Amino acid sequence: MSNQAMINAIKTAISPARIATYETAIGTANVDELAALHLYAWNAQVSGALLTPLHLCEVVIRNAVAAALESVYGTQWPWATVFERSLPDPRIGYSPRRDLMNARRSTQATGKVIPELKFVFWQKMFTQRYDERLWIPYLTSVLPNMDVAKTITERRTMIYQYLDQIRYLRNRIAHHEPIFNRALADDYHKIIELVRFRCEITASWLSDNQTALETIAKKP
C-alpha cells in the first residue's frame, strides 16, 4: 500500500475535519499529510501519558479536601445538613449541591461518595466562601507543603487556579481533543506541585512512575 493510500484510509476513518486541525498546525502552505498524522498520533500518546499524573492528582486533592471536611463535619460529612446548605445550587449550570446529592444517593459510605463527585466539585471547594470554616483552620494541615509565607487566601487561590488549568486539560483529553498547542510541561509541573502540596513522597513517586515528560519531549 502506498503512503498516500494509507493516509487517505486513515483520514477517512478518523474524518478529514478532525485531521484538518493537525494539517493546519503543520502548515497550510505546503501540507505534509503524513506529518499531520504523526502529530495526531503524538497528541494521542501524550494524552495517554498525562492520564496517570492527572489520576493521582485528582485522588490526592479530593482526599485532602475530604480530610478537611471530616475535621469540620465528621466522618459522615456528605450527609451533614449544614455542609449541604453551604453548597451553591444554581438553577442553570453546574450545581455542587445536586452533585453531592446524586453522589450519595445509592450509598451510606463516605468512601463511596468521594469518587462519585465530579472534579469540578473539588475545585469549587477552593473558593472564598469556605475560607472561614474550612481553609483558615485546616488548609495548612491537609496541604502542609505550601509556602507558609503566603496567606491562606493566596494559597487557596493558587490551588484553585492550578486546578482550573488542569481540569481544562483533563476535559480536553477526555473528549479526545487536541492538546498539542498547550504548554504541556507547565501543565505537568502544576500537577506535580498539587500532589507535592499534600505529600512530597507521593509527588516524588509519581515523578518516578510517569512517561509524560519523555513523551512531551518527543513532540514532532
N, C-alpha and C. Protein backbone atom coordinates (compact mmCIF):
# COMPACT_ATOMS: atom_id res chain seq x y z
N MET A 1 0.85 -1.19 0.00
CA MET A 1 0.00 0.00 0.00
C MET A 1 0.88 1.25 0.00
N SER A 2 0.57 2.18 -0.87
CA SER A 2 1.34 3.42 -0.92
C SER A 2 1.06 4.28 0.30
N ASN A 3 1.98 5.22 0.57
CA ASN A 3 1.78 6.15 1.68
C ASN A 3 0.49 6.94 1.53
N GLN A 4 0.23 7.37 0.29
CA GLN A 4 -0.97 8.19 0.07
C GLN A 4 -2.24 7.38 0.30
N ALA A 5 -2.22 6.11 -0.11
CA ALA A 5 -3.39 5.26 0.13
C ALA A 5 -3.61 5.06 1.62
N MET A 6 -2.51 4.87 2.36
CA MET A 6 -2.61 4.71 3.81
C MET A 6 -3.15 5.99 4.46
N ILE A 7 -2.62 7.14 4.03
CA ILE A 7 -3.06 8.42 4.57
C ILE A 7 -4.55 8.63 4.30
N ASN A 8 -4.96 8.34 3.08
CA ASN A 8 -6.37 8.52 2.72
C ASN A 8 -7.28 7.63 3.56
N ALA A 9 -6.84 6.38 3.79
CA ALA A 9 -7.65 5.45 4.57
C ALA A 9 -7.79 5.94 6.03
N ILE A 10 -6.68 6.40 6.59
CA ILE A 10 -6.71 6.87 7.98
C ILE A 10 -7.56 8.13 8.10
N LYS A 11 -7.40 9.05 7.15
CA LYS A 11 -8.18 10.28 7.18
C LYS A 11 -9.67 10.00 7.07
N THR A 12 -10.03 9.02 6.26
CA THR A 12 -11.43 8.66 6.12
C THR A 12 -11.97 8.07 7.42
N ALA A 13 -11.15 7.22 8.06
CA ALA A 13 -11.59 6.56 9.29
C ALA A 13 -11.73 7.56 10.44
N ILE A 14 -10.77 8.46 10.54
CA ILE A 14 -10.77 9.43 11.64
C ILE A 14 -11.66 10.62 11.34
N SER A 15 -11.72 11.01 10.08
CA SER A 15 -12.50 12.09 9.49
C SER A 15 -11.57 13.22 9.06
N PRO A 16 -11.76 13.67 7.81
CA PRO A 16 -10.93 14.77 7.30
C PRO A 16 -11.03 16.03 8.15
N ALA A 17 -12.20 16.30 8.71
CA ALA A 17 -12.37 17.50 9.53
C ALA A 17 -11.48 17.46 10.76
N ARG A 18 -11.39 16.29 11.39
CA ARG A 18 -10.55 16.16 12.59
C ARG A 18 -9.08 16.28 12.23
N ILE A 19 -8.67 15.65 11.15
CA ILE A 19 -7.27 15.70 10.74
C ILE A 19 -6.89 17.11 10.27
N ALA A 20 -7.86 17.86 9.77
CA ALA A 20 -7.58 19.20 9.25
C ALA A 20 -6.94 20.09 10.31
N THR A 21 -7.32 19.92 11.57
CA THR A 21 -6.73 20.70 12.66
C THR A 21 -5.23 20.48 12.72
N TYR A 22 -4.82 19.25 12.50
CA TYR A 22 -3.40 18.89 12.59
C TYR A 22 -2.67 19.32 11.32
N GLU A 23 -3.34 19.25 10.19
CA GLU A 23 -2.75 19.74 8.94
C GLU A 23 -2.49 21.23 9.02
N THR A 24 -3.43 21.95 9.59
CA THR A 24 -3.25 23.40 9.75
C THR A 24 -2.08 23.69 10.66
N ALA A 25 -1.93 22.90 11.71
CA ALA A 25 -0.82 23.11 12.64
C ALA A 25 0.54 22.86 11.97
N ILE A 26 0.56 21.89 11.05
CA ILE A 26 1.80 21.61 10.32
C ILE A 26 2.12 22.76 9.38
N GLY A 27 1.09 23.36 8.78
CA GLY A 27 1.29 24.49 7.88
C GLY A 27 0.46 24.33 6.62
N THR A 28 -0.39 25.30 6.37
CA THR A 28 -1.32 25.19 5.24
C THR A 28 -0.67 25.47 3.90
N ALA A 29 0.50 26.12 3.89
CA ALA A 29 1.13 26.46 2.62
C ALA A 29 1.59 25.22 1.87
N ASN A 30 2.12 24.27 2.62
CA ASN A 30 2.61 23.04 1.99
C ASN A 30 2.34 21.88 2.94
N VAL A 31 1.09 21.47 2.97
CA VAL A 31 0.65 20.50 3.96
C VAL A 31 1.33 19.15 3.72
N ASP A 32 1.97 18.68 4.80
CA ASP A 32 2.56 17.34 4.80
C ASP A 32 1.58 16.43 5.54
N GLU A 33 0.80 15.68 4.79
CA GLU A 33 -0.27 14.90 5.41
C GLU A 33 0.27 13.83 6.36
N LEU A 34 1.42 13.24 6.02
CA LEU A 34 1.99 12.22 6.90
C LEU A 34 2.47 12.87 8.20
N ALA A 35 3.02 14.07 8.12
CA ALA A 35 3.44 14.79 9.32
C ALA A 35 2.24 15.12 10.20
N ALA A 36 1.12 15.44 9.58
CA ALA A 36 -0.10 15.72 10.34
C ALA A 36 -0.55 14.48 11.10
N LEU A 37 -0.42 13.31 10.48
CA LEU A 37 -0.79 12.06 11.16
C LEU A 37 0.18 11.76 12.29
N HIS A 38 1.46 12.07 12.10
CA HIS A 38 2.44 11.89 13.18
C HIS A 38 2.06 12.77 14.38
N LEU A 39 1.65 14.01 14.09
CA LEU A 39 1.25 14.91 15.17
C LEU A 39 0.00 14.39 15.86
N TYR A 40 -0.93 13.85 15.08
CA TYR A 40 -2.16 13.28 15.65
C TYR A 40 -1.82 12.12 16.57
N ALA A 41 -0.93 11.24 16.12
CA ALA A 41 -0.54 10.08 16.93
C ALA A 41 0.15 10.54 18.22
N TRP A 42 1.02 11.53 18.10
CA TRP A 42 1.71 12.04 19.30
C TRP A 42 0.70 12.66 20.27
N ASN A 43 -0.26 13.39 19.74
CA ASN A 43 -1.28 14.01 20.59
C ASN A 43 -2.02 12.93 21.39
N ALA A 44 -2.33 11.82 20.76
CA ALA A 44 -2.99 10.72 21.46
C ALA A 44 -2.06 10.09 22.50
N GLN A 45 -0.78 9.94 22.13
CA GLN A 45 0.18 9.33 23.05
C GLN A 45 0.42 10.21 24.29
N VAL A 46 0.58 11.50 24.07
CA VAL A 46 0.84 12.37 25.21
C VAL A 46 -0.41 12.52 26.09
N SER A 47 -1.58 12.45 25.47
CA SER A 47 -2.83 12.46 26.24
C SER A 47 -2.87 11.26 27.18
N GLY A 48 -2.51 10.09 26.64
CA GLY A 48 -2.49 8.89 27.47
C GLY A 48 -1.45 8.98 28.57
N ALA A 49 -0.28 9.54 28.24
CA ALA A 49 0.80 9.63 29.22
C ALA A 49 0.45 10.56 30.38
N LEU A 50 -0.37 11.56 30.10
CA LEU A 50 -0.76 12.51 31.15
C LEU A 50 -1.87 11.98 32.06
N LEU A 51 -2.51 10.90 31.67
CA LEU A 51 -3.62 10.38 32.47
C LEU A 51 -3.16 9.90 33.84
N THR A 52 -1.99 9.29 33.92
CA THR A 52 -1.50 8.82 35.22
C THR A 52 -1.28 9.98 36.20
N PRO A 53 -0.52 11.03 35.81
CA PRO A 53 -0.41 12.17 36.73
C PRO A 53 -1.75 12.81 37.06
N LEU A 54 -2.63 12.95 36.08
CA LEU A 54 -3.94 13.53 36.34
C LEU A 54 -4.74 12.69 37.33
N HIS A 55 -4.69 11.39 37.14
CA HIS A 55 -5.39 10.46 38.03
C HIS A 55 -4.92 10.63 39.47
N LEU A 56 -3.59 10.59 39.67
CA LEU A 56 -3.05 10.70 41.02
C LEU A 56 -3.37 12.05 41.64
N CYS A 57 -3.28 13.10 40.84
CA CYS A 57 -3.54 14.44 41.33
C CYS A 57 -4.98 14.56 41.82
N GLU A 58 -5.92 14.08 41.03
CA GLU A 58 -7.32 14.18 41.43
C GLU A 58 -7.59 13.42 42.72
N VAL A 59 -7.04 12.22 42.82
CA VAL A 59 -7.26 11.41 44.02
C VAL A 59 -6.66 12.10 45.25
N VAL A 60 -5.45 12.61 45.12
CA VAL A 60 -4.77 13.25 46.25
C VAL A 60 -5.51 14.51 46.70
N ILE A 61 -5.93 15.34 45.75
CA ILE A 61 -6.60 16.59 46.11
C ILE A 61 -7.97 16.33 46.72
N ARG A 62 -8.72 15.41 46.15
CA ARG A 62 -10.05 15.16 46.73
C ARG A 62 -9.93 14.55 48.12
N ASN A 63 -8.87 13.75 48.37
CA ASN A 63 -8.68 13.21 49.71
C ASN A 63 -8.27 14.30 50.70
N ALA A 64 -7.52 15.28 50.22
CA ALA A 64 -7.15 16.41 51.08
C ALA A 64 -8.40 17.21 51.48
N VAL A 65 -9.25 17.48 50.51
CA VAL A 65 -10.49 18.21 50.80
C VAL A 65 -11.37 17.39 51.73
N ALA A 66 -11.48 16.10 51.46
CA ALA A 66 -12.31 15.23 52.31
C ALA A 66 -11.80 15.23 53.75
N ALA A 67 -10.48 15.28 53.93
CA ALA A 67 -9.92 15.31 55.29
C ALA A 67 -10.32 16.59 56.00
N ALA A 68 -10.29 17.71 55.27
CA ALA A 68 -10.71 18.98 55.88
C ALA A 68 -12.20 18.95 56.22
N LEU A 69 -13.00 18.42 55.31
CA LEU A 69 -14.45 18.34 55.56
C LEU A 69 -14.75 17.45 56.76
N GLU A 70 -14.01 16.36 56.89
CA GLU A 70 -14.22 15.48 58.02
C GLU A 70 -13.89 16.18 59.34
N SER A 71 -12.85 17.03 59.31
CA SER A 71 -12.47 17.76 60.51
C SER A 71 -13.58 18.71 60.96
N VAL A 72 -14.34 19.23 60.00
CA VAL A 72 -15.41 20.19 60.32
C VAL A 72 -16.73 19.49 60.59
N TYR A 73 -17.09 18.52 59.73
CA TYR A 73 -18.45 17.96 59.77
C TYR A 73 -18.52 16.50 60.22
N GLY A 74 -17.38 15.89 60.48
CA GLY A 74 -17.37 14.50 60.91
C GLY A 74 -17.25 13.52 59.75
N THR A 75 -17.15 12.25 60.08
CA THR A 75 -16.91 11.23 59.06
C THR A 75 -18.06 11.09 58.06
N GLN A 76 -19.23 11.49 58.46
CA GLN A 76 -20.40 11.40 57.58
C GLN A 76 -20.72 12.76 56.94
N TRP A 77 -19.67 13.50 56.59
CA TRP A 77 -19.87 14.85 56.07
C TRP A 77 -20.76 14.93 54.84
N PRO A 78 -20.81 13.92 53.96
CA PRO A 78 -21.70 14.07 52.80
C PRO A 78 -23.18 14.21 53.18
N TRP A 79 -23.54 13.80 54.40
CA TRP A 79 -24.93 13.87 54.84
C TRP A 79 -25.16 14.99 55.86
N ALA A 80 -24.14 15.80 56.09
CA ALA A 80 -24.28 16.90 57.05
C ALA A 80 -25.13 18.01 56.44
N THR A 81 -26.24 18.31 57.06
CA THR A 81 -27.17 19.30 56.52
C THR A 81 -26.52 20.68 56.37
N VAL A 82 -25.73 21.06 57.36
CA VAL A 82 -25.07 22.37 57.32
C VAL A 82 -24.14 22.46 56.12
N PHE A 83 -23.39 21.38 55.86
CA PHE A 83 -22.50 21.38 54.70
C PHE A 83 -23.29 21.43 53.41
N GLU A 84 -24.32 20.60 53.31
CA GLU A 84 -25.14 20.59 52.11
C GLU A 84 -25.68 21.98 51.79
N ARG A 85 -26.16 22.68 52.80
CA ARG A 85 -26.74 24.01 52.59
C ARG A 85 -25.69 25.06 52.25
N SER A 86 -24.42 24.76 52.56
CA SER A 86 -23.35 25.71 52.23
C SER A 86 -22.96 25.66 50.76
N LEU A 87 -23.39 24.60 50.07
CA LEU A 87 -23.02 24.42 48.68
C LEU A 87 -23.94 25.21 47.75
N PRO A 88 -23.38 25.87 46.75
CA PRO A 88 -24.22 26.59 45.78
C PRO A 88 -25.14 25.64 45.04
N ASP A 89 -26.30 26.15 44.65
CA ASP A 89 -27.27 25.34 43.90
C ASP A 89 -27.93 26.20 42.82
N PRO A 90 -27.16 26.65 41.84
CA PRO A 90 -27.74 27.49 40.78
C PRO A 90 -28.75 26.70 39.95
N ARG A 91 -29.75 27.38 39.45
CA ARG A 91 -30.77 26.72 38.63
C ARG A 91 -30.20 26.29 37.29
N ILE A 92 -29.22 27.05 36.79
CA ILE A 92 -28.61 26.76 35.49
C ILE A 92 -27.13 26.48 35.69
N GLY A 93 -26.63 25.47 35.00
CA GLY A 93 -25.22 25.14 35.10
C GLY A 93 -24.93 24.15 36.21
N TYR A 94 -23.64 23.99 36.50
CA TYR A 94 -23.21 23.00 37.48
C TYR A 94 -23.64 23.40 38.89
N SER A 95 -24.19 22.43 39.62
CA SER A 95 -24.63 22.64 41.00
C SER A 95 -23.87 21.69 41.92
N PRO A 96 -22.95 22.20 42.74
CA PRO A 96 -22.28 21.33 43.71
C PRO A 96 -23.24 20.61 44.64
N ARG A 97 -24.34 21.28 45.02
CA ARG A 97 -25.30 20.65 45.93
C ARG A 97 -25.97 19.45 45.27
N ARG A 98 -26.40 19.62 44.03
CA ARG A 98 -27.03 18.49 43.33
C ARG A 98 -26.03 17.38 43.07
N ASP A 99 -24.78 17.76 42.80
CA ASP A 99 -23.73 16.75 42.59
C ASP A 99 -23.57 15.90 43.85
N LEU A 100 -23.52 16.55 45.00
CA LEU A 100 -23.39 15.81 46.26
C LEU A 100 -24.60 14.91 46.49
N MET A 101 -25.78 15.42 46.26
CA MET A 101 -26.99 14.63 46.48
C MET A 101 -27.03 13.41 45.57
N ASN A 102 -26.62 13.59 44.33
CA ASN A 102 -26.58 12.46 43.39
C ASN A 102 -25.53 11.44 43.79
N ALA A 103 -24.36 11.93 44.24
CA ALA A 103 -23.25 11.04 44.58
C ALA A 103 -23.57 10.15 45.78
N ARG A 104 -24.37 10.65 46.72
CA ARG A 104 -24.66 9.89 47.94
C ARG A 104 -25.96 9.10 47.85
N ARG A 105 -26.62 9.20 46.72
CA ARG A 105 -27.98 8.65 46.60
C ARG A 105 -28.04 7.15 46.88
N SER A 106 -27.07 6.39 46.40
CA SER A 106 -27.17 4.93 46.47
C SER A 106 -26.16 4.31 47.43
N THR A 107 -25.63 5.11 48.37
CA THR A 107 -24.66 4.56 49.32
C THR A 107 -24.76 5.28 50.65
N GLN A 108 -24.30 4.62 51.69
CA GLN A 108 -24.21 5.23 53.01
C GLN A 108 -22.75 5.34 53.45
N ALA A 109 -21.83 5.12 52.53
CA ALA A 109 -20.40 5.13 52.85
C ALA A 109 -19.72 6.36 52.25
N THR A 110 -19.07 7.13 53.09
CA THR A 110 -18.38 8.33 52.62
C THR A 110 -17.35 7.98 51.56
N GLY A 111 -16.64 6.88 51.76
CA GLY A 111 -15.62 6.47 50.80
C GLY A 111 -16.17 6.17 49.42
N LYS A 112 -17.45 5.84 49.34
CA LYS A 112 -18.09 5.59 48.05
C LYS A 112 -18.57 6.89 47.40
N VAL A 113 -18.86 7.88 48.23
CA VAL A 113 -19.32 9.17 47.70
C VAL A 113 -18.18 9.93 47.04
N ILE A 114 -17.01 9.92 47.67
CA ILE A 114 -15.88 10.74 47.23
C ILE A 114 -15.56 10.56 45.74
N PRO A 115 -15.39 9.33 45.23
CA PRO A 115 -15.05 9.19 43.81
C PRO A 115 -16.20 9.49 42.85
N GLU A 116 -17.42 9.59 43.38
CA GLU A 116 -18.57 9.88 42.53
C GLU A 116 -18.73 11.38 42.26
N LEU A 117 -18.09 12.20 43.07
CA LEU A 117 -18.19 13.65 42.89
C LEU A 117 -17.28 14.10 41.76
N LYS A 118 -17.76 15.03 40.97
CA LYS A 118 -17.03 15.49 39.81
C LYS A 118 -15.77 16.26 40.21
N PHE A 119 -14.79 16.28 39.31
CA PHE A 119 -13.55 17.02 39.53
C PHE A 119 -13.87 18.47 39.90
N VAL A 120 -14.85 19.06 39.21
CA VAL A 120 -15.18 20.46 39.44
C VAL A 120 -15.70 20.67 40.87
N PHE A 121 -16.32 19.67 41.46
CA PHE A 121 -16.78 19.80 42.85
C PHE A 121 -15.61 20.11 43.76
N TRP A 122 -14.51 19.38 43.60
CA TRP A 122 -13.34 19.58 44.46
C TRP A 122 -12.69 20.93 44.19
N GLN A 123 -12.68 21.35 42.92
CA GLN A 123 -12.14 22.67 42.61
C GLN A 123 -12.98 23.76 43.27
N LYS A 124 -14.29 23.63 43.19
CA LYS A 124 -15.19 24.65 43.75
C LYS A 124 -15.04 24.79 45.27
N MET A 125 -14.50 23.76 45.92
CA MET A 125 -14.29 23.85 47.36
C MET A 125 -13.20 24.87 47.71
N PHE A 126 -12.37 25.22 46.72
CA PHE A 126 -11.30 26.18 46.97
C PHE A 126 -11.72 27.60 46.56
N THR A 127 -12.91 27.99 46.97
CA THR A 127 -13.39 29.35 46.75
C THR A 127 -13.50 30.06 48.10
N GLN A 128 -13.61 31.36 48.04
CA GLN A 128 -13.58 32.19 49.24
C GLN A 128 -14.66 31.83 50.25
N ARG A 129 -15.78 31.32 49.79
CA ARG A 129 -16.90 31.05 50.69
C ARG A 129 -16.54 30.02 51.77
N TYR A 130 -15.50 29.23 51.55
CA TYR A 130 -15.13 28.20 52.52
C TYR A 130 -13.91 28.58 53.37
N ASP A 131 -13.42 29.80 53.23
CA ASP A 131 -12.22 30.19 53.97
C ASP A 131 -12.41 30.08 55.48
N GLU A 132 -13.45 30.70 56.00
CA GLU A 132 -13.61 30.79 57.45
C GLU A 132 -13.77 29.42 58.10
N ARG A 133 -14.62 28.60 57.52
CA ARG A 133 -14.93 27.33 58.17
C ARG A 133 -13.92 26.23 57.84
N LEU A 134 -13.37 26.28 56.62
CA LEU A 134 -12.56 25.15 56.15
C LEU A 134 -11.08 25.48 56.05
N TRP A 135 -10.74 26.54 55.31
CA TRP A 135 -9.34 26.71 54.93
C TRP A 135 -8.49 27.48 55.93
N ILE A 136 -9.04 28.46 56.58
CA ILE A 136 -8.23 29.15 57.59
C ILE A 136 -7.80 28.17 58.69
N PRO A 137 -8.70 27.32 59.18
CA PRO A 137 -8.25 26.36 60.20
C PRO A 137 -7.52 25.12 59.68
N TYR A 138 -7.79 24.68 58.43
CA TYR A 138 -7.31 23.36 58.03
C TYR A 138 -6.44 23.28 56.77
N LEU A 139 -6.28 24.38 56.04
CA LEU A 139 -5.50 24.28 54.80
C LEU A 139 -4.07 23.82 55.06
N THR A 140 -3.44 24.37 56.08
CA THR A 140 -2.05 24.01 56.36
C THR A 140 -1.91 22.55 56.77
N SER A 141 -2.89 22.03 57.49
CA SER A 141 -2.78 20.64 57.95
C SER A 141 -3.02 19.64 56.83
N VAL A 142 -3.89 19.93 55.88
CA VAL A 142 -4.18 18.96 54.81
C VAL A 142 -3.28 19.14 53.60
N LEU A 143 -2.71 20.34 53.44
CA LEU A 143 -1.75 20.62 52.35
C LEU A 143 -0.54 21.30 52.98
N PRO A 144 0.28 20.53 53.69
CA PRO A 144 1.31 21.11 54.55
C PRO A 144 2.55 21.64 53.85
N ASN A 145 2.71 21.34 52.58
CA ASN A 145 3.97 21.67 51.91
C ASN A 145 3.89 22.90 51.02
N MET A 146 2.94 23.76 51.28
CA MET A 146 2.85 25.02 50.57
C MET A 146 3.69 26.07 51.30
N ASP A 147 3.96 27.16 50.61
CA ASP A 147 4.76 28.24 51.17
C ASP A 147 3.95 28.97 52.25
N VAL A 148 4.34 28.80 53.50
CA VAL A 148 3.58 29.39 54.60
C VAL A 148 3.80 30.90 54.69
N ALA A 149 4.73 31.43 53.88
CA ALA A 149 4.88 32.89 53.83
C ALA A 149 3.70 33.52 53.09
N LYS A 150 3.01 32.72 52.30
CA LYS A 150 1.81 33.20 51.61
C LYS A 150 0.62 33.09 52.56
N THR A 151 -0.34 33.97 52.39
CA THR A 151 -1.55 33.91 53.21
C THR A 151 -2.39 32.70 52.81
N ILE A 152 -3.34 32.36 53.66
CA ILE A 152 -4.27 31.28 53.34
C ILE A 152 -5.02 31.60 52.05
N THR A 153 -5.44 32.82 51.90
CA THR A 153 -6.16 33.23 50.69
C THR A 153 -5.29 33.05 49.45
N GLU A 154 -4.03 33.45 49.55
CA GLU A 154 -3.12 33.30 48.41
C GLU A 154 -2.89 31.84 48.07
N ARG A 155 -2.73 31.01 49.08
CA ARG A 155 -2.52 29.58 48.83
C ARG A 155 -3.78 28.93 48.25
N ARG A 156 -4.91 29.25 48.84
CA ARG A 156 -6.16 28.68 48.35
C ARG A 156 -6.45 29.12 46.92
N THR A 157 -6.18 30.38 46.60
CA THR A 157 -6.36 30.89 45.24
C THR A 157 -5.42 30.19 44.26
N MET A 158 -4.19 29.96 44.67
CA MET A 158 -3.23 29.25 43.82
C MET A 158 -3.74 27.85 43.48
N ILE A 159 -4.24 27.15 44.48
CA ILE A 159 -4.76 25.80 44.25
C ILE A 159 -5.92 25.85 43.26
N TYR A 160 -6.83 26.79 43.47
CA TYR A 160 -7.97 26.91 42.57
C TYR A 160 -7.51 27.13 41.14
N GLN A 161 -6.55 28.01 40.94
CA GLN A 161 -6.06 28.32 39.60
C GLN A 161 -5.36 27.13 38.97
N TYR A 162 -4.56 26.42 39.75
CA TYR A 162 -3.90 25.22 39.24
C TYR A 162 -4.95 24.17 38.83
N LEU A 163 -5.94 23.98 39.68
CA LEU A 163 -6.98 23.00 39.37
C LEU A 163 -7.77 23.41 38.13
N ASP A 164 -8.00 24.69 37.96
CA ASP A 164 -8.72 25.17 36.79
C ASP A 164 -7.94 24.84 35.52
N GLN A 165 -6.65 25.04 35.55
CA GLN A 165 -5.80 24.76 34.40
C GLN A 165 -5.80 23.27 34.06
N ILE A 166 -5.62 22.43 35.06
CA ILE A 166 -5.51 21.00 34.75
C ILE A 166 -6.88 20.36 34.51
N ARG A 167 -7.93 20.96 35.06
CA ARG A 167 -9.28 20.44 34.75
C ARG A 167 -9.60 20.65 33.27
N TYR A 168 -9.19 21.81 32.74
CA TYR A 168 -9.39 22.06 31.32
C TYR A 168 -8.60 21.05 30.49
N LEU A 169 -7.36 20.80 30.89
CA LEU A 169 -6.55 19.79 30.20
C LEU A 169 -7.22 18.43 30.27
N ARG A 170 -7.67 18.05 31.45
CA ARG A 170 -8.32 16.74 31.65
C ARG A 170 -9.54 16.60 30.76
N ASN A 171 -10.34 17.65 30.67
CA ASN A 171 -11.55 17.59 29.86
C ASN A 171 -11.23 17.45 28.38
N ARG A 172 -10.20 18.13 27.92
CA ARG A 172 -9.82 18.02 26.51
C ARG A 172 -9.34 16.60 26.21
N ILE A 173 -8.57 16.04 27.12
CA ILE A 173 -8.11 14.66 26.93
C ILE A 173 -9.30 13.70 26.93
N ALA A 174 -10.23 13.89 27.86
CA ALA A 174 -11.39 13.00 27.95
C ALA A 174 -12.24 13.04 26.69
N HIS A 175 -12.24 14.17 25.99
CA HIS A 175 -13.04 14.30 24.78
C HIS A 175 -12.20 14.14 23.51
N HIS A 176 -10.98 13.63 23.68
CA HIS A 176 -10.09 13.33 22.55
C HIS A 176 -9.82 14.57 21.69
N GLU A 177 -9.66 15.70 22.35
CA GLU A 177 -9.41 16.95 21.65
C GLU A 177 -7.91 17.23 21.57
N PRO A 178 -7.50 18.11 20.64
CA PRO A 178 -6.08 18.44 20.53
C PRO A 178 -5.55 19.14 21.78
N ILE A 179 -4.36 18.74 22.21
CA ILE A 179 -3.68 19.44 23.30
C ILE A 179 -2.26 19.82 22.89
N PHE A 180 -1.94 19.62 21.61
CA PHE A 180 -0.56 19.82 21.15
C PHE A 180 -0.09 21.27 21.25
N ASN A 181 -1.03 22.21 21.29
CA ASN A 181 -0.65 23.62 21.34
C ASN A 181 -0.59 24.16 22.77
N ARG A 182 -0.73 23.31 23.77
CA ARG A 182 -0.65 23.71 25.16
C ARG A 182 0.81 23.66 25.65
N ALA A 183 1.09 24.38 26.71
CA ALA A 183 2.39 24.29 27.39
C ALA A 183 2.31 23.07 28.33
N LEU A 184 2.47 21.90 27.75
CA LEU A 184 2.20 20.67 28.49
C LEU A 184 3.18 20.43 29.63
N ALA A 185 4.42 20.88 29.47
CA ALA A 185 5.37 20.73 30.57
C ALA A 185 4.91 21.54 31.78
N ASP A 186 4.35 22.71 31.54
CA ASP A 186 3.81 23.53 32.63
C ASP A 186 2.60 22.85 33.26
N ASP A 187 1.72 22.28 32.43
CA ASP A 187 0.59 21.51 32.95
C ASP A 187 1.08 20.41 33.89
N TYR A 188 2.07 19.67 33.41
CA TYR A 188 2.61 18.54 34.19
C TYR A 188 3.18 19.03 35.52
N HIS A 189 3.97 20.09 35.49
CA HIS A 189 4.61 20.56 36.71
C HIS A 189 3.58 21.09 37.72
N LYS A 190 2.49 21.64 37.24
CA LYS A 190 1.44 22.07 38.17
C LYS A 190 0.75 20.86 38.80
N ILE A 191 0.58 19.81 38.03
CA ILE A 191 0.03 18.56 38.58
C ILE A 191 0.93 18.04 39.70
N ILE A 192 2.23 17.98 39.43
CA ILE A 192 3.19 17.51 40.43
C ILE A 192 3.17 18.40 41.67
N GLU A 193 3.09 19.72 41.45
CA GLU A 193 3.06 20.65 42.57
C GLU A 193 1.84 20.41 43.46
N LEU A 194 0.70 20.20 42.85
CA LEU A 194 -0.51 19.95 43.64
C LEU A 194 -0.35 18.69 44.50
N VAL A 195 0.23 17.66 43.94
CA VAL A 195 0.48 16.44 44.71
C VAL A 195 1.50 16.72 45.82
N ARG A 196 2.54 17.48 45.50
CA ARG A 196 3.58 17.80 46.47
C ARG A 196 3.03 18.60 47.64
N PHE A 197 2.07 19.48 47.37
CA PHE A 197 1.46 20.25 48.45
C PHE A 197 0.91 19.33 49.54
N ARG A 198 0.42 18.19 49.12
CA ARG A 198 -0.16 17.22 50.05
C ARG A 198 0.91 16.28 50.62
N CYS A 199 1.81 15.78 49.74
CA CYS A 199 2.80 14.78 50.17
C CYS A 199 3.99 14.78 49.22
N GLU A 200 5.15 15.15 49.72
CA GLU A 200 6.35 15.21 48.89
C GLU A 200 6.79 13.82 48.45
N ILE A 201 6.61 12.83 49.30
CA ILE A 201 7.00 11.46 48.95
C ILE A 201 6.15 10.96 47.78
N THR A 202 4.84 11.22 47.83
CA THR A 202 3.95 10.79 46.75
C THR A 202 4.29 11.51 45.45
N ALA A 203 4.62 12.79 45.53
CA ALA A 203 5.00 13.55 44.33
C ALA A 203 6.25 12.98 43.70
N SER A 204 7.22 12.61 44.53
CA SER A 204 8.46 12.00 44.02
C SER A 204 8.19 10.65 43.39
N TRP A 205 7.34 9.86 44.03
CA TRP A 205 6.98 8.54 43.49
C TRP A 205 6.25 8.67 42.16
N LEU A 206 5.34 9.65 42.08
CA LEU A 206 4.64 9.89 40.82
C LEU A 206 5.62 10.30 39.74
N SER A 207 6.55 11.17 40.08
CA SER A 207 7.55 11.61 39.10
C SER A 207 8.36 10.44 38.56
N ASP A 208 8.63 9.46 39.41
CA ASP A 208 9.41 8.28 39.00
C ASP A 208 8.59 7.28 38.20
N ASN A 209 7.29 7.43 38.20
CA ASN A 209 6.41 6.45 37.55
C ASN A 209 5.50 7.08 36.51
N GLN A 210 6.04 8.02 35.75
CA GLN A 210 5.29 8.66 34.68
C GLN A 210 6.14 8.70 33.41
N THR A 211 5.46 8.75 32.30
CA THR A 211 6.14 8.86 31.00
C THR A 211 5.78 10.16 30.30
N ALA A 212 5.09 11.05 31.00
CA ALA A 212 4.59 12.27 30.36
C ALA A 212 5.71 13.16 29.84
N LEU A 213 6.72 13.41 30.66
CA LEU A 213 7.80 14.31 30.25
C LEU A 213 8.56 13.76 29.04
N GLU A 214 8.82 12.48 29.06
CA GLU A 214 9.51 11.84 27.93
C GLU A 214 8.67 11.98 26.66
N THR A 215 7.39 11.77 26.76
CA THR A 215 6.50 11.85 25.60
C THR A 215 6.37 13.29 25.13
N ILE A 216 6.26 14.24 26.06
CA ILE A 216 6.20 15.66 25.69
C ILE A 216 7.42 16.05 24.88
N ALA A 217 8.58 15.56 25.29
CA ALA A 217 9.84 15.90 24.61
C ALA A 217 9.92 15.34 23.19
N LYS A 218 9.09 14.37 22.88
CA LYS A 218 9.12 13.74 21.56
C LYS A 218 8.14 14.37 20.56
N LYS A 219 7.61 15.53 20.91
CA LYS A 219 6.66 16.17 20.02
C LYS A 219 7.25 16.36 18.63
N PRO A 220 6.57 15.91 17.58
CA PRO A 220 7.14 16.04 16.22
C PRO A 220 7.12 17.47 15.73
